[in-house]
Amino acid sequence: MSVDDLLSRAVRVFVTREPHGFPRPDPGGLEEEFGDAAAGLRPRLEALVTEMMELPLQDEDLVAGTRAAEATMSVRHPELDPDAMAALGFYDSYCWR
């Protein structure tokens, strides 16, 4: 499967660190960046974030757990580029349960 550049960019915009330095979903930034297309992208982005956050945790530390979650999501979603996966991973690690 080839990389979906639009979806990957949308992940990076939606799960942003700007302007506060910590990752958070940013529907406003998504709308600003993608205009009317944001409404169609948002459910997919929310589903990706939820899927990442619901992955089962092992007896791992933060770094190993984040890398394991990114690896699992990379297999499930080969359409996402490495930077999009890193954005999801950073958000997941920030929200570490």
N, C-alpha and C. Protein backbone atom coordinates (compact mmCIF):
# COMPACT_ATOMS: atom_id res chain seq x y z
N MET A 1 0.86 -1.18 0.00
CA MET A 1 0.00 0.00 0.00
C MET A 1 0.90 1.24 0.00
N SER A 2 0.50 2.22 -0.76
CA SER A 2 1.28 3.44 -0.82
C SER A 2 0.88 4.41 0.29
N VAL A 3 1.76 5.33 0.57
CA VAL A 3 1.53 6.33 1.61
C VAL A 3 0.48 7.33 1.13
N ASP A 4 -0.43 7.63 2.01
CA ASP A 4 -1.45 8.64 1.76
C ASP A 4 -0.93 9.96 2.30
N ASP A 5 -0.39 10.79 1.40
CA ASP A 5 0.25 12.04 1.83
C ASP A 5 -0.74 12.99 2.50
N LEU A 6 -1.96 13.06 1.98
CA LEU A 6 -2.96 13.94 2.56
C LEU A 6 -3.30 13.51 3.99
N LEU A 7 -3.57 12.23 4.18
CA LEU A 7 -3.91 11.73 5.51
C LEU A 7 -2.73 11.89 6.46
N SER A 8 -1.54 11.59 6.00
CA SER A 8 -0.36 11.73 6.85
C SER A 8 -0.16 13.17 7.29
N ARG A 9 -0.31 14.10 6.37
CA ARG A 9 -0.19 15.52 6.72
C ARG A 9 -1.29 15.92 7.69
N ALA A 10 -2.49 15.40 7.48
CA ALA A 10 -3.61 15.72 8.37
C ALA A 10 -3.35 15.21 9.78
N VAL A 11 -2.75 14.03 9.91
CA VAL A 11 -2.40 13.52 11.24
C VAL A 11 -1.44 14.48 11.92
N ARG A 12 -0.42 14.92 11.20
CA ARG A 12 0.57 15.83 11.78
C ARG A 12 -0.05 17.16 12.19
N VAL A 13 -1.01 17.63 11.44
CA VAL A 13 -1.69 18.89 11.77
C VAL A 13 -2.65 18.68 12.94
N PHE A 14 -3.40 17.59 12.92
CA PHE A 14 -4.42 17.34 13.94
C PHE A 14 -3.81 17.06 15.31
N VAL A 15 -2.76 16.24 15.33
CA VAL A 15 -2.09 15.91 16.59
C VAL A 15 -0.83 16.77 16.64
N THR A 16 -1.00 17.99 17.06
CA THR A 16 0.06 18.98 16.99
C THR A 16 0.64 19.32 18.35
N ARG A 17 1.82 19.87 18.34
CA ARG A 17 2.44 20.39 19.57
C ARG A 17 2.35 21.91 19.61
N GLU A 18 1.94 22.49 18.53
CA GLU A 18 1.90 23.95 18.43
C GLU A 18 0.63 24.50 19.02
N PRO A 19 0.60 25.62 19.59
CA PRO A 19 1.75 26.48 19.95
C PRO A 19 2.24 26.23 21.36
N HIS A 20 1.73 25.22 22.04
CA HIS A 20 2.00 25.05 23.47
C HIS A 20 3.17 24.13 23.79
N GLY A 21 3.64 23.35 22.83
CA GLY A 21 4.75 22.45 23.07
C GLY A 21 4.36 21.06 23.51
N PHE A 22 3.09 20.85 23.82
CA PHE A 22 2.63 19.50 24.16
C PHE A 22 1.59 19.07 23.14
N PRO A 23 1.55 17.76 22.83
CA PRO A 23 0.64 17.30 21.78
C PRO A 23 -0.81 17.30 22.25
N ARG A 24 -1.68 17.61 21.32
CA ARG A 24 -3.11 17.62 21.60
C ARG A 24 -3.84 17.62 20.26
N PRO A 25 -5.02 17.04 20.23
CA PRO A 25 -5.83 17.15 19.01
C PRO A 25 -6.21 18.60 18.78
N ASP A 26 -6.12 19.04 17.54
CA ASP A 26 -6.39 20.43 17.20
C ASP A 26 -7.35 20.51 16.01
N PRO A 27 -8.66 20.38 16.28
CA PRO A 27 -9.64 20.47 15.20
C PRO A 27 -9.59 21.83 14.49
N GLY A 28 -9.32 22.90 15.23
CA GLY A 28 -9.24 24.22 14.61
C GLY A 28 -8.10 24.33 13.63
N GLY A 29 -6.95 23.77 14.00
CA GLY A 29 -5.81 23.77 13.09
C GLY A 29 -6.08 22.95 11.85
N LEU A 30 -6.80 21.85 12.04
CA LEU A 30 -7.17 21.00 10.91
C LEU A 30 -8.06 21.78 9.94
N GLU A 31 -9.03 22.47 10.47
CA GLU A 31 -9.94 23.25 9.62
C GLU A 31 -9.19 24.39 8.93
N GLU A 32 -8.30 25.02 9.65
CA GLU A 32 -7.52 26.12 9.07
C GLU A 32 -6.65 25.62 7.92
N GLU A 33 -6.05 24.46 8.10
CA GLU A 33 -5.14 23.90 7.10
C GLU A 33 -5.87 23.29 5.90
N PHE A 34 -7.00 22.63 6.16
CA PHE A 34 -7.66 21.85 5.11
C PHE A 34 -9.01 22.39 4.67
N GLY A 35 -9.49 23.43 5.30
CA GLY A 35 -10.76 24.03 4.90
C GLY A 35 -11.91 23.05 4.99
N ASP A 36 -12.72 23.02 3.95
CA ASP A 36 -13.91 22.17 3.93
C ASP A 36 -13.57 20.67 4.01
N ALA A 37 -12.39 20.30 3.58
CA ALA A 37 -11.99 18.89 3.61
C ALA A 37 -11.78 18.39 5.04
N ALA A 38 -11.60 19.30 5.98
CA ALA A 38 -11.37 18.91 7.37
C ALA A 38 -12.52 18.08 7.93
N ALA A 39 -13.73 18.42 7.56
CA ALA A 39 -14.90 17.69 8.08
C ALA A 39 -14.85 16.22 7.68
N GLY A 40 -14.36 15.94 6.51
CA GLY A 40 -14.24 14.55 6.07
C GLY A 40 -13.06 13.82 6.67
N LEU A 41 -12.00 14.57 7.01
CA LEU A 41 -10.80 13.96 7.58
C LEU A 41 -10.93 13.70 9.08
N ARG A 42 -11.65 14.57 9.76
CA ARG A 42 -11.67 14.52 11.23
C ARG A 42 -12.11 13.17 11.81
N PRO A 43 -13.19 12.54 11.32
CA PRO A 43 -13.57 11.24 11.90
C PRO A 43 -12.46 10.19 11.76
N ARG A 44 -11.78 10.20 10.64
CA ARG A 44 -10.68 9.24 10.42
C ARG A 44 -9.54 9.52 11.39
N LEU A 45 -9.22 10.78 11.60
CA LEU A 45 -8.14 11.16 12.51
C LEU A 45 -8.49 10.80 13.95
N GLU A 46 -9.71 11.08 14.34
CA GLU A 46 -10.15 10.73 15.69
C GLU A 46 -10.11 9.22 15.89
N ALA A 47 -10.46 8.47 14.86
CA ALA A 47 -10.42 7.00 14.96
C ALA A 47 -8.98 6.51 15.10
N LEU A 48 -8.04 7.12 14.38
CA LEU A 48 -6.64 6.73 14.50
C LEU A 48 -6.10 7.02 15.89
N VAL A 49 -6.42 8.19 16.43
CA VAL A 49 -5.98 8.54 17.78
C VAL A 49 -6.57 7.57 18.79
N THR A 50 -7.85 7.28 18.67
CA THR A 50 -8.50 6.36 19.60
C THR A 50 -7.89 4.96 19.50
N GLU A 51 -7.66 4.50 18.29
CA GLU A 51 -7.07 3.18 18.10
C GLU A 51 -5.69 3.11 18.76
N MET A 52 -4.89 4.13 18.58
CA MET A 52 -3.56 4.17 19.18
C MET A 52 -3.66 4.13 20.71
N MET A 53 -4.58 4.91 21.25
CA MET A 53 -4.70 5.01 22.70
C MET A 53 -5.27 3.73 23.32
N GLU A 54 -5.98 2.94 22.54
CA GLU A 54 -6.60 1.72 23.07
C GLU A 54 -5.74 0.47 22.93
N LEU A 55 -4.55 0.62 22.38
CA LEU A 55 -3.68 -0.55 22.26
C LEU A 55 -3.34 -1.06 23.66
N PRO A 56 -3.33 -2.37 23.83
CA PRO A 56 -3.02 -2.91 25.16
C PRO A 56 -1.57 -2.61 25.54
N LEU A 57 -1.38 -2.34 26.81
CA LEU A 57 -0.05 -2.06 27.32
C LEU A 57 0.58 -3.34 27.84
N GLN A 58 1.85 -3.43 27.64
CA GLN A 58 2.62 -4.55 28.20
C GLN A 58 3.39 -4.01 29.41
N ASP A 59 4.22 -4.83 29.98
CA ASP A 59 5.07 -4.38 31.07
C ASP A 59 6.30 -3.68 30.47
N GLU A 60 6.06 -2.52 29.92
CA GLU A 60 7.10 -1.78 29.21
C GLU A 60 7.27 -0.41 29.84
N ASP A 61 8.44 0.15 29.61
CA ASP A 61 8.61 1.54 30.01
C ASP A 61 8.03 2.44 28.91
N LEU A 62 8.04 3.72 29.13
CA LEU A 62 7.41 4.67 28.21
C LEU A 62 7.98 4.57 26.80
N VAL A 63 9.27 4.56 26.68
CA VAL A 63 9.89 4.53 25.35
C VAL A 63 9.58 3.23 24.63
N ALA A 64 9.76 2.10 25.31
CA ALA A 64 9.49 0.81 24.67
C ALA A 64 8.01 0.66 24.34
N GLY A 65 7.15 1.12 25.22
CA GLY A 65 5.71 1.05 24.96
C GLY A 65 5.29 1.90 23.77
N THR A 66 5.89 3.08 23.67
CA THR A 66 5.59 3.96 22.53
C THR A 66 6.06 3.33 21.23
N ARG A 67 7.27 2.79 21.23
CA ARG A 67 7.80 2.15 20.01
C ARG A 67 6.95 0.93 19.63
N ALA A 68 6.51 0.16 20.61
CA ALA A 68 5.66 -1.00 20.32
C ALA A 68 4.33 -0.56 19.73
N ALA A 69 3.74 0.50 20.28
CA ALA A 69 2.47 1.01 19.75
C ALA A 69 2.66 1.53 18.33
N GLU A 70 3.74 2.26 18.08
CA GLU A 70 4.01 2.77 16.73
C GLU A 70 4.19 1.61 15.74
N ALA A 71 4.88 0.57 16.17
CA ALA A 71 5.10 -0.59 15.29
C ALA A 71 3.78 -1.27 14.96
N THR A 72 2.93 -1.44 15.96
CA THR A 72 1.63 -2.07 15.72
C THR A 72 0.80 -1.22 14.77
N MET A 73 0.77 0.07 15.01
CA MET A 73 -0.03 0.96 14.15
C MET A 73 0.56 1.04 12.73
N SER A 74 1.87 0.94 12.60
CA SER A 74 2.50 0.97 11.27
C SER A 74 2.07 -0.23 10.44
N VAL A 75 1.93 -1.38 11.10
CA VAL A 75 1.47 -2.58 10.39
C VAL A 75 -0.01 -2.41 10.01
N ARG A 76 -0.80 -1.90 10.93
CA ARG A 76 -2.23 -1.72 10.68
C ARG A 76 -2.51 -0.61 9.67
N HIS A 77 -1.64 0.40 9.62
CA HIS A 77 -1.89 1.58 8.79
C HIS A 77 -0.65 1.95 7.97
N PRO A 78 -0.32 1.11 7.00
CA PRO A 78 0.85 1.42 6.17
C PRO A 78 0.66 2.66 5.31
N GLU A 79 -0.55 3.17 5.27
CA GLU A 79 -0.81 4.39 4.50
C GLU A 79 -0.26 5.65 5.18
N LEU A 80 0.14 5.52 6.45
CA LEU A 80 0.68 6.67 7.18
C LEU A 80 2.21 6.70 7.06
N ASP A 81 2.74 7.89 6.81
CA ASP A 81 4.19 8.01 6.72
C ASP A 81 4.82 8.01 8.11
N PRO A 82 6.14 7.85 8.20
CA PRO A 82 6.81 7.77 9.50
C PRO A 82 6.58 9.01 10.39
N ASP A 83 6.50 10.18 9.79
CA ASP A 83 6.28 11.39 10.59
C ASP A 83 4.88 11.41 11.20
N ALA A 84 3.90 10.93 10.48
CA ALA A 84 2.54 10.84 11.03
C ALA A 84 2.50 9.84 12.16
N MET A 85 3.19 8.71 11.98
CA MET A 85 3.23 7.70 13.04
C MET A 85 3.94 8.24 14.26
N ALA A 86 5.00 9.01 14.06
CA ALA A 86 5.71 9.61 15.19
C ALA A 86 4.83 10.60 15.93
N ALA A 87 4.00 11.34 15.20
CA ALA A 87 3.08 12.28 15.85
C ALA A 87 2.08 11.54 16.71
N LEU A 88 1.53 10.45 16.19
CA LEU A 88 0.61 9.63 17.00
C LEU A 88 1.33 9.04 18.20
N GLY A 89 2.55 8.58 18.00
CA GLY A 89 3.32 8.00 19.09
C GLY A 89 3.64 9.02 20.17
N PHE A 90 3.98 10.24 19.75
CA PHE A 90 4.29 11.27 20.73
C PHE A 90 3.05 11.61 21.57
N TYR A 91 1.92 11.69 20.90
CA TYR A 91 0.67 11.96 21.63
C TYR A 91 0.35 10.83 22.60
N ASP A 92 0.50 9.60 22.13
CA ASP A 92 0.23 8.45 22.98
C ASP A 92 1.16 8.45 24.19
N SER A 93 2.43 8.74 23.98
CA SER A 93 3.36 8.75 25.11
C SER A 93 3.08 9.90 26.06
N TYR A 94 2.64 11.02 25.53
CA TYR A 94 2.30 12.16 26.39
C TYR A 94 1.10 11.80 27.29
N CYS A 95 0.18 11.04 26.73
CA CYS A 95 -1.02 10.66 27.47
C CYS A 95 -0.86 9.31 28.16
N TRP A 96 0.37 8.84 28.29
CA TRP A 96 0.65 7.51 28.83
C TRP A 96 -0.23 7.21 30.04
N ARG A 97 -0.88 6.07 29.94
CA ARG A 97 -1.84 5.73 30.98
C ARG A 97 -1.21 5.00 32.12
